[in-house]
Amino acid sequence: PLLAIVKWFDRPVPIRWQHVLFFGNIKGSLSMALPLSLPLA
């Protein structure tokens, strides 16, 4: 939805690029570190 809006005010992002951005939704270090810093209570 958000990249569909881009074409209104900028060069459109091709749909195949959007597929890469969707499938490249990989998690990493920050997603692991933040939970460990949660309050013990």
Full PDB file with SEQRES, HELIX, SHEET, SSBOND, CRYST1, ORIGX, SCALE, CONECT and MASTER records, all heavy atoms in Angstrom:
SEQRES   1 A   41  PRO LEU LEU ALA ILE VAL LYS TRP PHE ASP ARG PRO VAL          
SEQRES   2 A   41  PRO ILE ARG TRP GLN HIS VAL LEU PHE PHE GLY ASN ILE          
SEQRES   3 A   41  LYS GLY SER LEU SER MET ALA LEU PRO LEU SER LEU PRO          
SEQRES   4 A   41  LEU ALA                                                      
HELIX    1 AA1 LEU A    2  VAL A    6  1                                   5    
HELIX    2 AA2 ILE A   15  PHE A   23  1                                   9    
HELIX    3 AA3 SER A   29  LEU A   36  1                                   8    
CRYST1    1.000    1.000    1.000  90.00  90.00  90.00 P 1           1          
ORIGX1      1.000000  0.000000  0.000000        0.00000                         
ORIGX2      0.000000  1.000000  0.000000        0.00000                         
ORIGX3      0.000000  0.000000  1.000000        0.00000                         
SCALE1      1.000000  0.000000  0.000000        0.00000                         
SCALE2      0.000000  1.000000  0.000000        0.00000                         
SCALE3      0.000000  0.000000  1.000000        0.00000                         
ATOM      1  N   PRO A   1       0.816  -1.235   0.000  1.00  0.00           N  
ATOM      2  CA  PRO A   1       0.000   0.000   0.000  1.00  0.00           C  
ATOM      3  C   PRO A   1       0.843   1.277   0.000  1.00  0.00           C  
ATOM      4  O   PRO A   1       0.544   2.219  -0.739  1.00  0.00           O  
ATOM      5  CB  PRO A   1      -0.819  -0.120   1.293  1.00  0.00           C  
ATOM      6  CG  PRO A   1      -0.844  -1.570   1.604  1.00  0.00           C  
ATOM      7  CD  PRO A   1       0.474  -2.098   1.156  1.00  0.00           C  
ATOM      8  N   LEU A   2       1.900   1.315   0.813  1.00  0.00           N  
ATOM      9  CA  LEU A   2       2.702   2.545   0.908  1.00  0.00           C  
ATOM     10  C   LEU A   2       3.478   2.818  -0.378  1.00  0.00           C  
ATOM     11  O   LEU A   2       3.570   3.962  -0.825  1.00  0.00           O  
ATOM     12  CB  LEU A   2       3.664   2.453   2.093  1.00  0.00           C  
ATOM     13  CG  LEU A   2       3.027   2.538   3.484  1.00  0.00           C  
ATOM     14  CD1 LEU A   2       4.078   2.334   4.563  1.00  0.00           C  
ATOM     15  CD2 LEU A   2       2.319   3.876   3.679  1.00  0.00           C  
ATOM     16  N   LEU A   3       4.035   1.777  -0.983  1.00  0.00           N  
ATOM     17  CA  LEU A   3       4.785   1.991  -2.221  1.00  0.00           C  
ATOM     18  C   LEU A   3       3.864   2.249  -3.409  1.00  0.00           C  
ATOM     19  O   LEU A   3       4.310   2.780  -4.429  1.00  0.00           O  
ATOM     20  CB  LEU A   3       5.707   0.800  -2.489  1.00  0.00           C  
ATOM     21  CG  LEU A   3       6.846   0.627  -1.483  1.00  0.00           C  
ATOM     22  CD1 LEU A   3       7.751  -0.527  -1.879  1.00  0.00           C  
ATOM     23  CD2 LEU A   3       7.656   1.910  -1.344  1.00  0.00           C  
ATOM     24  N   ALA A   4       2.595   1.880  -3.273  1.00  0.00           N  
ATOM     25  CA  ALA A   4       1.629   2.248  -4.313  1.00  0.00           C  
ATOM     26  C   ALA A   4       1.379   3.758  -4.298  1.00  0.00           C  
ATOM     27  O   ALA A   4       1.068   4.359  -5.334  1.00  0.00           O  
ATOM     28  CB  ALA A   4       0.319   1.490  -4.107  1.00  0.00           C  
ATOM     29  N   ILE A   5       1.541   4.371  -3.117  1.00  0.00           N  
ATOM     30  CA  ILE A   5       1.339   5.822  -2.988  1.00  0.00           C  
ATOM     31  C   ILE A   5       2.501   6.593  -3.601  1.00  0.00           C  
ATOM     32  O   ILE A   5       2.331   7.717  -4.071  1.00  0.00           O  
ATOM     33  CB  ILE A   5       1.172   6.192  -1.495  1.00  0.00           C  
ATOM     34  CG1 ILE A   5      -0.044   5.481  -0.911  1.00  0.00           C  
ATOM     35  CG2 ILE A   5       1.068   7.692  -1.286  1.00  0.00           C  
ATOM     36  CD1 ILE A   5      -0.186   5.656   0.599  1.00  0.00           C  
ATOM     37  N   VAL A   6       3.691   5.981  -3.604  1.00  0.00           N  
ATOM     38  CA  VAL A   6       4.897   6.680  -4.061  1.00  0.00           C  
ATOM     39  C   VAL A   6       4.736   7.223  -5.470  1.00  0.00           C  
ATOM     40  O   VAL A   6       5.232   8.316  -5.792  1.00  0.00           O  
ATOM     41  CB  VAL A   6       6.127   5.741  -3.972  1.00  0.00           C  
ATOM     42  CG1 VAL A   6       7.343   6.347  -4.657  1.00  0.00           C  
ATOM     43  CG2 VAL A   6       6.457   5.436  -2.517  1.00  0.00           C  
ATOM     44  N   LYS A   7       4.064   6.505  -6.327  1.00  0.00           N  
ATOM     45  CA  LYS A   7       3.936   6.921  -7.737  1.00  0.00           C  
ATOM     46  C   LYS A   7       3.185   8.238  -7.894  1.00  0.00           C  
ATOM     47  O   LYS A   7       3.228   8.857  -8.967  1.00  0.00           O  
ATOM     48  CB  LYS A   7       3.243   5.826  -8.551  1.00  0.00           C  
ATOM     49  CG  LYS A   7       1.816   5.539  -8.122  1.00  0.00           C  
ATOM     50  CD  LYS A   7       1.235   4.392  -8.948  1.00  0.00           C  
ATOM     51  CE  LYS A   7      -0.197   4.069  -8.507  1.00  0.00           C  
ATOM     52  NZ  LYS A   7      -0.758   2.907  -9.255  1.00  0.00           N  
ATOM     53  N   TRP A   8       2.491   8.704  -6.840  1.00  0.00           N  
ATOM     54  CA  TRP A   8       1.784   9.971  -6.918  1.00  0.00           C  
ATOM     55  C   TRP A   8       2.738  11.161  -6.869  1.00  0.00           C  
ATOM     56  O   TRP A   8       2.406  12.228  -7.377  1.00  0.00           O  
ATOM     57  CB  TRP A   8       0.767  10.083  -5.773  1.00  0.00           C  
ATOM     58  CG  TRP A   8      -0.331   9.055  -5.831  1.00  0.00           C  
ATOM     59  CD1 TRP A   8      -0.639   8.225  -6.875  1.00  0.00           C  
ATOM     60  CD2 TRP A   8      -1.276   8.764  -4.804  1.00  0.00           C  
ATOM     61  NE1 TRP A   8      -1.697   7.416  -6.565  1.00  0.00           N  
ATOM     62  CE2 TRP A   8      -2.131   7.719  -5.286  1.00  0.00           C  
ATOM     63  CE3 TRP A   8      -1.514   9.253  -3.526  1.00  0.00           C  
ATOM     64  CZ2 TRP A   8      -3.163   7.191  -4.548  1.00  0.00           C  
ATOM     65  CZ3 TRP A   8      -2.551   8.732  -2.769  1.00  0.00           C  
ATOM     66  CH2 TRP A   8      -3.374   7.703  -3.277  1.00  0.00           C  
ATOM     67  N   PHE A   9       3.890  11.002  -6.217  1.00  0.00           N  
ATOM     68  CA  PHE A   9       4.798  12.143  -6.064  1.00  0.00           C  
ATOM     69  C   PHE A   9       6.266  11.791  -6.329  1.00  0.00           C  
ATOM     70  O   PHE A   9       7.146  12.612  -6.087  1.00  0.00           O  
ATOM     71  CB  PHE A   9       4.677  12.727  -4.647  1.00  0.00           C  
ATOM     72  CG  PHE A   9       4.694  11.712  -3.546  1.00  0.00           C  
ATOM     73  CD1 PHE A   9       5.880  11.156  -3.096  1.00  0.00           C  
ATOM     74  CD2 PHE A   9       3.500  11.295  -2.969  1.00  0.00           C  
ATOM     75  CE1 PHE A   9       5.882  10.220  -2.086  1.00  0.00           C  
ATOM     76  CE2 PHE A   9       3.503  10.345  -1.953  1.00  0.00           C  
ATOM     77  CZ  PHE A   9       4.702   9.808  -1.514  1.00  0.00           C  
ATOM     78  N   ASP A  10       6.539  10.585  -6.838  1.00  0.00           N  
ATOM     79  CA  ASP A  10       7.908  10.194  -7.135  1.00  0.00           C  
ATOM     80  C   ASP A  10       7.882   9.072  -8.174  1.00  0.00           C  
ATOM     81  O   ASP A  10       6.811   8.563  -8.527  1.00  0.00           O  
ATOM     82  CB  ASP A  10       8.609   9.720  -5.859  1.00  0.00           C  
ATOM     83  CG  ASP A  10      10.131   9.715  -5.988  1.00  0.00           C  
ATOM     84  OD1 ASP A  10      10.631  10.112  -7.065  1.00  0.00           O  
ATOM     85  OD2 ASP A  10      10.822   9.304  -5.033  1.00  0.00           O  
ATOM     86  N   ARG A  11       9.069   8.670  -8.629  1.00  0.00           N  
ATOM     87  CA  ARG A  11       9.136   7.548  -9.561  1.00  0.00           C  
ATOM     88  C   ARG A  11       8.544   6.304  -8.912  1.00  0.00           C  
ATOM     89  O   ARG A  11       8.863   5.994  -7.762  1.00  0.00           O  
ATOM     90  CB  ARG A  11      10.583   7.264  -9.957  1.00  0.00           C  
ATOM     91  CG  ARG A  11      11.176   8.251 -10.938  1.00  0.00           C  
ATOM     92  CD  ARG A  11      12.569   7.807 -11.332  1.00  0.00           C  
ATOM     93  NE  ARG A  11      13.464   7.742 -10.192  1.00  0.00           N  
ATOM     94  CZ  ARG A  11      14.627   7.103 -10.190  1.00  0.00           C  
ATOM     95  NH1 ARG A  11      15.021   6.436 -11.265  1.00  0.00           N  
ATOM     96  NH2 ARG A  11      15.392   7.106  -9.110  1.00  0.00           N  
ATOM     97  N   PRO A  12       7.692   5.568  -9.605  1.00  0.00           N  
ATOM     98  CA  PRO A  12       7.086   4.368  -9.007  1.00  0.00           C  
ATOM     99  C   PRO A  12       8.134   3.292  -8.746  1.00  0.00           C  
ATOM    100  O   PRO A  12       9.141   3.192  -9.449  1.00  0.00           O  
ATOM    101  CB  PRO A  12       6.080   3.917 -10.061  1.00  0.00           C  
ATOM    102  CG  PRO A  12       6.567   4.494 -11.346  1.00  0.00           C  
ATOM    103  CD  PRO A  12       7.223   5.792 -10.994  1.00  0.00           C  
ATOM    104  N   VAL A  13       7.891   2.495  -7.713  1.00  0.00           N  
ATOM    105  CA  VAL A  13       8.748   1.354  -7.392  1.00  0.00           C  
ATOM    106  C   VAL A  13       8.158   0.130  -8.069  1.00  0.00           C  
ATOM    107  O   VAL A  13       7.008  -0.239  -7.787  1.00  0.00           O  
ATOM    108  CB  VAL A  13       8.829   1.132  -5.871  1.00  0.00           C  
ATOM    109  CG1 VAL A  13       9.690  -0.095  -5.548  1.00  0.00           C  
ATOM    110  CG2 VAL A  13       9.393   2.368  -5.174  1.00  0.00           C  
ATOM    111  N   PRO A  14       8.878  -0.508  -9.001  1.00  0.00           N  
ATOM    112  CA  PRO A  14       8.321  -1.667  -9.728  1.00  0.00           C  
ATOM    113  C   PRO A  14       7.824  -2.748  -8.783  1.00  0.00           C  
ATOM    114  O   PRO A  14       8.361  -2.943  -7.689  1.00  0.00           O  
ATOM    115  CB  PRO A  14       9.523  -2.154 -10.553  1.00  0.00           C  
ATOM    116  CG  PRO A  14      10.399  -0.954 -10.712  1.00  0.00           C  
ATOM    117  CD  PRO A  14      10.240  -0.176  -9.433  1.00  0.00           C  
ATOM    118  N   ILE A  15       6.796  -3.449  -9.214  1.00  0.00           N  
ATOM    119  CA  ILE A  15       6.166  -4.449  -8.362  1.00  0.00           C  
ATOM    120  C   ILE A  15       7.130  -5.566  -7.992  1.00  0.00           C  
ATOM    121  O   ILE A  15       7.088  -6.103  -6.879  1.00  0.00           O  
ATOM    122  CB  ILE A  15       4.891  -5.018  -9.050  1.00  0.00           C  
ATOM    123  CG1 ILE A  15       4.099  -5.902  -8.080  1.00  0.00           C  
ATOM    124  CG2 ILE A  15       5.264  -5.785 -10.316  1.00  0.00           C  
ATOM    125  CD1 ILE A  15       3.503  -5.168  -6.923  1.00  0.00           C  
ATOM    126  N   ARG A  16       8.041  -5.938  -8.897  1.00  0.00           N  
ATOM    127  CA  ARG A  16       8.998  -6.992  -8.567  1.00  0.00           C  
ATOM    128  C   ARG A  16       9.976  -6.533  -7.488  1.00  0.00           C  
ATOM    129  O   ARG A  16      10.433  -7.338  -6.684  1.00  0.00           O  
ATOM    130  CB  ARG A  16       9.749  -7.437  -9.830  1.00  0.00           C  
ATOM    131  CG  ARG A  16       8.906  -8.304 -10.759  1.00  0.00           C  
ATOM    132  CD  ARG A  16       9.699  -8.848 -11.920  1.00  0.00           C  
ATOM    133  NE  ARG A  16      10.134  -7.792 -12.826  1.00  0.00           N  
ATOM    134  CZ  ARG A  16      10.868  -7.991 -13.914  1.00  0.00           C  
ATOM    135  NH1 ARG A  16      11.271  -9.206 -14.218  1.00  0.00           N  
ATOM    136  NH2 ARG A  16      11.199  -6.979 -14.696  1.00  0.00           N  
ATOM    137  N   TRP A  17      10.292  -5.249  -7.466  1.00  0.00           N  
ATOM    138  CA  TRP A  17      11.120  -4.720  -6.376  1.00  0.00           C  
ATOM    139  C   TRP A  17      10.358  -4.816  -5.055  1.00  0.00           C  
ATOM    140  O   TRP A  17      10.947  -5.114  -4.019  1.00  0.00           O  
ATOM    141  CB  TRP A  17      11.481  -3.270  -6.650  1.00  0.00           C  
ATOM    142  CG  TRP A  17      12.372  -3.048  -7.828  1.00  0.00           C  
ATOM    143  CD1 TRP A  17      12.660  -3.937  -8.831  1.00  0.00           C  
ATOM    144  CD2 TRP A  17      13.080  -1.855  -8.144  1.00  0.00           C  
ATOM    145  NE1 TRP A  17      13.502  -3.369  -9.757  1.00  0.00           N  
ATOM    146  CE2 TRP A  17      13.781  -2.086  -9.360  1.00  0.00           C  
ATOM    147  CE3 TRP A  17      13.193  -0.618  -7.535  1.00  0.00           C  
ATOM    148  CZ2 TRP A  17      14.574  -1.110  -9.953  1.00  0.00           C  
ATOM    149  CZ3 TRP A  17      13.988   0.356  -8.120  1.00  0.00           C  
ATOM    150  CH2 TRP A  17      14.676   0.107  -9.314  1.00  0.00           C  
ATOM    151  N   GLN A  18       9.060  -4.539  -5.118  1.00  0.00           N  
ATOM    152  CA  GLN A  18       8.248  -4.623  -3.899  1.00  0.00           C  
ATOM    153  C   GLN A  18       8.226  -6.055  -3.365  1.00  0.00           C  
ATOM    154  O   GLN A  18       8.217  -6.273  -2.148  1.00  0.00           O  
ATOM    155  CB  GLN A  18       6.834  -4.130  -4.190  1.00  0.00           C  
ATOM    156  CG  GLN A  18       6.764  -2.661  -4.582  1.00  0.00           C  
ATOM    157  CD  GLN A  18       5.351  -2.196  -4.883  1.00  0.00           C  
ATOM    158  OE1 GLN A  18       4.391  -2.615  -4.225  1.00  0.00           O  
ATOM    159  NE2 GLN A  18       5.203  -1.317  -5.875  1.00  0.00           N  
ATOM    160  N   HIS A  19       8.222  -7.035  -4.271  1.00  0.00           N  
ATOM    161  CA  HIS A  19       8.276  -8.427  -3.834  1.00  0.00           C  
ATOM    162  C   HIS A  19       9.577  -8.697  -3.068  1.00  0.00           C  
ATOM    163  O   HIS A  19       9.572  -9.402  -2.050  1.00  0.00           O  
ATOM    164  CB  HIS A  19       8.200  -9.367  -5.048  1.00  0.00           C  
ATOM    165  CG  HIS A  19       6.913  -9.294  -5.801  1.00  0.00           C  
ATOM    166  ND1 HIS A  19       5.742  -8.875  -5.224  1.00  0.00           N  
ATOM    167  CD2 HIS A  19       6.621  -9.607  -7.108  1.00  0.00           C  
ATOM    168  CE1 HIS A  19       4.778  -8.924  -6.118  1.00  0.00           C  
ATOM    169  NE2 HIS A  19       5.279  -9.362  -7.269  1.00  0.00           N  
ATOM    170  N   VAL A  20      10.698  -8.146  -3.550  1.00  0.00           N  
ATOM    171  CA  VAL A  20      11.980  -8.329  -2.856  1.00  0.00           C  
ATOM    172  C   VAL A  20      11.936  -7.684  -1.476  1.00  0.00           C  
ATOM    173  O   VAL A  20      12.409  -8.257  -0.486  1.00  0.00           O  
ATOM    174  CB  VAL A  20      13.136  -7.737  -3.692  1.00  0.00           C  
ATOM    175  CG1 VAL A  20      14.451  -7.782  -2.908  1.00  0.00           C  
ATOM    176  CG2 VAL A  20      13.301  -8.500  -4.997  1.00  0.00           C  
ATOM    177  N   LEU A  21      11.361  -6.494  -1.383  1.00  0.00           N  
ATOM    178  CA  LEU A  21      11.257  -5.812  -0.090  1.00  0.00           C  
ATOM    179  C   LEU A  21      10.371  -6.594   0.875  1.00  0.00           C  
ATOM    180  O   LEU A  21      10.604  -6.590   2.091  1.00  0.00           O  
ATOM    181  CB  LEU A  21      10.703  -4.398  -0.290  1.00  0.00           C  
ATOM    182  CG  LEU A  21      11.632  -3.425  -1.023  1.00  0.00           C  
ATOM    183  CD1 LEU A  21      10.882  -2.156  -1.411  1.00  0.00           C  
ATOM    184  CD2 LEU A  21      12.828  -3.084  -0.156  1.00  0.00           C  
ATOM    185  N   PHE A  22       9.354  -7.260   0.341  1.00  0.00           N  
ATOM    186  CA  PHE A  22       8.486  -8.077   1.203  1.00  0.00           C  
ATOM    187  C   PHE A  22       9.194  -9.351   1.656  1.00  0.00           C  
ATOM    188  O   PHE A  22       9.255  -9.655   2.841  1.00  0.00           O  
ATOM    189  CB  PHE A  22       7.189  -8.422   0.468  1.00  0.00           C  
ATOM    190  CG  PHE A  22       6.374  -9.463   1.163  1.00  0.00           C  
ATOM    191  CD1 PHE A  22       5.780  -9.204   2.393  1.00  0.00           C  
ATOM    192  CD2 PHE A  22       6.219 -10.733   0.612  1.00  0.00           C  
ATOM    193  CE1 PHE A  22       5.035 -10.183   3.046  1.00  0.00           C  
ATOM    194  CE2 PHE A  22       5.475 -11.706   1.255  1.00  0.00           C  
ATOM    195  CZ  PHE A  22       4.877 -11.435   2.478  1.00  0.00           C  
ATOM    196  N   PHE A  23       9.743 -10.101   0.705  1.00  0.00           N  
ATOM    197  CA  PHE A  23      10.397 -11.371   1.060  1.00  0.00           C  
ATOM    198  C   PHE A  23      11.708 -11.148   1.815  1.00  0.00           C  
ATOM    199  O   PHE A  23      12.167 -12.040   2.530  1.00  0.00           O  
ATOM    200  CB  PHE A  23      10.655 -12.201  -0.204  1.00  0.00           C  
ATOM    201  CG  PHE A  23       9.427 -12.799  -0.807  1.00  0.00           C  
ATOM    202  CD1 PHE A  23       8.948 -12.357  -2.029  1.00  0.00           C  
ATOM    203  CD2 PHE A  23       8.731 -13.806  -0.147  1.00  0.00           C  
ATOM    204  CE1 PHE A  23       7.805 -12.898  -2.590  1.00  0.00           C  
ATOM    205  CE2 PHE A  23       7.590 -14.360  -0.701  1.00  0.00           C  
ATOM    206  CZ  PHE A  23       7.125 -13.896  -1.929  1.00  0.00           C  
ATOM    207  N   GLY A  24      12.308  -9.964   1.655  1.00  0.00           N  
ATOM    208  CA  GLY A  24      13.547  -9.666   2.383  1.00  0.00           C  
ATOM    209  C   GLY A  24      13.317  -9.163   3.791  1.00  0.00           C  
ATOM    210  O   GLY A  24      14.198  -8.538   4.392  1.00  0.00           O  
ATOM    211  N   ASN A  25      12.152  -9.442   4.331  1.00  0.00           N  
ATOM    212  CA  ASN A  25      11.774  -9.003   5.680  1.00  0.00           C  
ATOM    213  C   ASN A  25      12.433  -9.913   6.727  1.00  0.00           C  
ATOM    214  O   ASN A  25      11.770 -10.623   7.476  1.00  0.00           O  
ATOM    215  CB  ASN A  25      10.239  -9.045   5.785  1.00  0.00           C  
ATOM    216  CG  ASN A  25       9.735  -8.568   7.116  1.00  0.00           C  
ATOM    217  OD1 ASN A  25      10.346  -7.741   7.769  1.00  0.00           O  
ATOM    218  ND2 ASN A  25       8.602  -9.113   7.527  1.00  0.00           N  
ATOM    219  N   ILE A  26      13.752  -9.889   6.776  1.00  0.00           N  
ATOM    220  CA  ILE A  26      14.519 -10.794   7.649  1.00  0.00           C  
ATOM    221  C   ILE A  26      14.855 -10.090   8.958  1.00  0.00           C  
ATOM    222  O   ILE A  26      15.192  -8.906   8.965  1.00  0.00           O  
ATOM    223  CB  ILE A  26      15.805 -11.255   6.931  1.00  0.00           C  
ATOM    224  CG1 ILE A  26      15.440 -11.959   5.623  1.00  0.00           C  
ATOM    225  CG2 ILE A  26      16.622 -12.184   7.815  1.00  0.00           C  
ATOM    226  CD1 ILE A  26      16.635 -12.265   4.741  1.00  0.00           C  
ATOM    227  N   LYS A  27      14.773 -10.801  10.048  1.00  0.00           N  
ATOM    228  CA  LYS A  27      15.052 -10.234  11.371  1.00  0.00           C  
ATOM    229  C   LYS A  27      16.522 -10.443  11.737  1.00  0.00           C  
ATOM    230  O   LYS A  27      17.188 -11.320  11.197  1.00  0.00           O  
ATOM    231  CB  LYS A  27      14.146 -10.866  12.427  1.00  0.00           C  
ATOM    232  CG  LYS A  27      12.671 -10.824  12.070  1.00  0.00           C  
ATOM    233  CD  LYS A  27      12.226  -9.407  11.730  1.00  0.00           C  
ATOM    234  CE  LYS A  27      10.902  -9.385  10.971  1.00  0.00           C  
ATOM    235  NZ  LYS A  27      10.588  -8.052  10.451  1.00  0.00           N  
ATOM    236  N   GLY A  28      17.014  -9.646  12.691  1.00  0.00           N  
ATOM    237  CA  GLY A  28      18.431  -9.731  13.033  1.00  0.00           C  
ATOM    238  C   GLY A  28      18.740  -9.381  14.469  1.00  0.00           C  
ATOM    239  O   GLY A  28      17.953  -9.650  15.382  1.00  0.00           O  
ATOM    240  N   SER A  29      19.877  -8.724  14.652  1.00  0.00           N  
ATOM    241  CA  SER A  29      20.465  -8.551  15.986  1.00  0.00           C  
ATOM    242  C   SER A  29      19.620  -7.676  16.904  1.00  0.00           C  
ATOM    243  O   SER A  29      19.462  -7.983  18.087  1.00  0.00           O  
ATOM    244  CB  SER A  29      21.866  -7.958  15.846  1.00  0.00           C  
ATOM    245  OG  SER A  29      21.816  -6.753  15.101  1.00  0.00           O  
ATOM    246  N   LEU A  30      19.097  -6.559  16.391  1.00  0.00           N  
ATOM    247  CA  LEU A  30      18.338  -5.655  17.261  1.00  0.00           C  
ATOM    248  C   LEU A  30      17.081  -6.330  17.785  1.00  0.00           C  
ATOM    249  O   LEU A  30      16.687  -6.109  18.938  1.00  0.00           O  
ATOM    250  CB  LEU A  30      17.982  -4.374  16.495  1.00  0.00           C  
ATOM    251  CG  LEU A  30      17.418  -3.234  17.352  1.00  0.00           C  
ATOM    252  CD1 LEU A  30      18.441  -2.775  18.373  1.00  0.00           C  
ATOM    253  CD2 LEU A  30      16.974  -2.062  16.485  1.00  0.00           C  
ATOM    254  N   SER A  31      16.450  -7.153  16.953  1.00  0.00           N  
ATOM    255  CA  SER A  31      15.253  -7.874  17.387  1.00  0.00           C  
ATOM    256  C   SER A  31      15.563  -8.847  18.517  1.00  0.00           C  
ATOM    257  O   SER A  31      14.668  -9.224  19.288  1.00  0.00           O  
ATOM    258  CB  SER A  31      14.639  -8.644  16.204  1.00  0.00           C  
ATOM    259  OG  SER A  31      14.207  -7.759  15.198  1.00  0.00           O  
ATOM    260  N   MET A  32      16.825  -9.290  18.621  1.00  0.00           N  
ATOM    261  CA  MET A  32      17.233 -10.200  19.694  1.00  0.00           C  
ATOM    262  C   MET A  32      17.674  -9.445  20.942  1.00  0.00           C  
ATOM    263  O   MET A  32      17.457  -9.885  22.070  1.00  0.00           O  
ATOM    264  CB  MET A  32      18.383 -11.086  19.210  1.00  0.00           C  
ATOM    265  CG  MET A  32      18.033 -12.033  18.094  1.00  0.00           C  
ATOM    266  SD  MET A  32      17.124 -13.475  18.661  1.00  0.00           S  
ATOM    267  CE  MET A  32      18.402 -14.387  19.510  1.00  0.00           C  
ATOM    268  N   ALA A  33      18.333  -8.309  20.730  1.00  0.00           N  
ATOM    269  CA  ALA A  33      18.913  -7.586  21.866  1.00  0.00           C  
ATOM    270  C   ALA A  33      17.856  -6.856  22.684  1.00  0.00           C  
ATOM    271  O   ALA A  33      17.907  -6.847  23.926  1.00  0.00           O  
ATOM    272  CB  ALA A  33      19.961  -6.597  21.370  1.00  0.00           C  
ATOM    273  N   LEU A  34      16.886  -6.246  22.025  1.00  0.00           N  
ATOM    274  CA  LEU A  34      15.892  -5.452  22.754  1.00  0.00           C  
ATOM    275  C   LEU A  34      15.072  -6.268  23.752  1.00  0.00           C  
ATOM    276  O   LEU A  34      14.828  -5.803  24.871  1.00  0.00           O  
ATOM    277  CB  LEU A  34      14.970  -4.734  21.757  1.00  0.00           C  
ATOM    278  CG  LEU A  34      15.592  -3.577  20.980  1.00  0.00           C  
ATOM    279  CD1 LEU A  34      14.561  -2.964  20.025  1.00  0.00           C  
ATOM    280  CD2 LEU A  34      16.126  -2.507  21.917  1.00  0.00           C  
ATOM    281  N   PRO A  35      14.594  -7.478  23.416  1.00  0.00           N  
ATOM    282  CA  PRO A  35      13.833  -8.236  24.418  1.00  0.00           C  
ATOM    283  C   PRO A  35      14.624  -8.532  25.691  1.00  0.00           C  
ATOM    284  O   PRO A  35      14.054  -8.562  26.788  1.00  0.00           O  
ATOM    285  CB  PRO A  35      13.473  -9.537  23.680  1.00  0.00           C  
ATOM    286  CG  PRO A  35      13.516  -9.193  22.245  1.00  0.00           C  
ATOM    287  CD  PRO A  35      14.594  -8.172  22.118  1.00  0.00           C  
ATOM    288  N   LEU A  36      15.935  -8.752  25.568  1.00  0.00           N  
ATOM    289  CA  LEU A  36      16.734  -9.055  26.747  1.00  0.00           C  
ATOM    290  C   LEU A  36      16.880  -7.861  27.679  1.00  0.00           C  
ATOM    291  O   LEU A  36      17.210  -8.022  28.855  1.00  0.00           O  
ATOM    292  CB  LEU A  36      18.130  -9.552  26.329  1.00  0.00           C  
ATOM    293  CG  LEU A  36      18.186 -10.926  25.665  1.00  0.00           C  
ATOM    294  CD1 LEU A  36      19.609 -11.236  25.221  1.00  0.00           C  
ATOM    295  CD2 LEU A  36      17.686 -12.007  26.609  1.00  0.00           C  
ATOM    296  N   SER A  37      16.652  -6.657  27.142  1.00  0.00           N  
ATOM    297  CA  SER A  37      16.781  -5.462  27.979  1.00  0.00           C  
ATOM    298  C   SER A  37      15.454  -5.041  28.607  1.00  0.00           C  
ATOM    299  O   SER A  37      15.358  -3.976  29.213  1.00  0.00           O  
ATOM    300  CB  SER A  37      17.343  -4.307  27.140  1.00  0.00           C  
ATOM    301  OG  SER A  37      16.482  -3.997  26.068  1.00  0.00           O  
ATOM    302  N   LEU A  38      14.425  -5.876  28.482  1.00  0.00           N  
ATOM    303  CA  LEU A  38      13.129  -5.563  29.077  1.00  0.00           C  
ATOM    304  C   LEU A  38      13.207  -5.610  30.601  1.00  0.00           C  
ATOM    305  O   LEU A  38      13.990  -6.382  31.172  1.00  0.00           O  
ATOM    306  CB  LEU A  38      12.074  -6.568  28.600  1.00  0.00           C  
ATOM    307  CG  LEU A  38      11.629  -6.468  27.136  1.00  0.00           C  
ATOM    308  CD1 LEU A  38      10.758  -7.657  26.767  1.00  0.00           C  
ATOM    309  CD2 LEU A  38      10.893  -5.159  26.892  1.00  0.00           C  
ATOM    310  N   PRO A  39      12.402  -4.811  31.302  1.00  0.00           N  
ATOM    311  CA  PRO A  39      12.378  -4.847  32.776  1.00  0.00           C  
ATOM    312  C   PRO A  39      11.992  -6.235  33.288  1.00  0.00           C  
ATOM    313  O   PRO A  39      11.116  -6.892  32.725  1.00  0.00           O  
ATOM    314  CB  PRO A  39      11.299  -3.815  33.144  1.00  0.00           C  
ATOM    315  CG  PRO A  39      11.184  -2.931  31.943  1.00  0.00           C  
ATOM    316  CD  PRO A  39      11.495  -3.780  30.751  1.00  0.00           C  
ATOM    317  N   LEU A  40      12.661  -6.685  34.329  1.00  0.00           N  
ATOM    318  CA  LEU A  40      12.394  -8.010  34.888  1.00  0.00           C  
ATOM    319  C   LEU A  40      10.968  -8.132  35.420  1.00  0.00           C  
ATOM    320  O   LEU A  40      10.414  -9.226  35.463  1.00  0.00           O  
ATOM    321  CB  LEU A  40      13.396  -8.307  36.007  1.00  0.00           C  
ATOM    322  CG  LEU A  40      14.860  -8.436  35.571  1.00  0.00           C  
ATOM    323  CD1 LEU A  40      15.767  -8.594  36.795  1.00  0.00           C  
ATOM    324  CD2 LEU A  40      15.035  -9.614  34.630  1.00  0.00           C  
ATOM    325  N   ALA A  41      10.386  -7.003  35.820  1.00  0.00           N  
ATOM    326  CA  ALA A  41       9.040  -7.040  36.399  1.00  0.00           C  
ATOM    327  C   ALA A  41       7.935  -7.079  35.353  1.00  0.00           C  
ATOM    328  O   ALA A  41       6.757  -7.215  35.701  1.00  0.00           O  
ATOM    329  CB  ALA A  41       8.842  -5.810  37.304  1.00  0.00           C  
TER     330      ALA A  41                                                      
MASTER        0    0    0    3    0    0    0    6  329    1    0    4          
END                                                                             
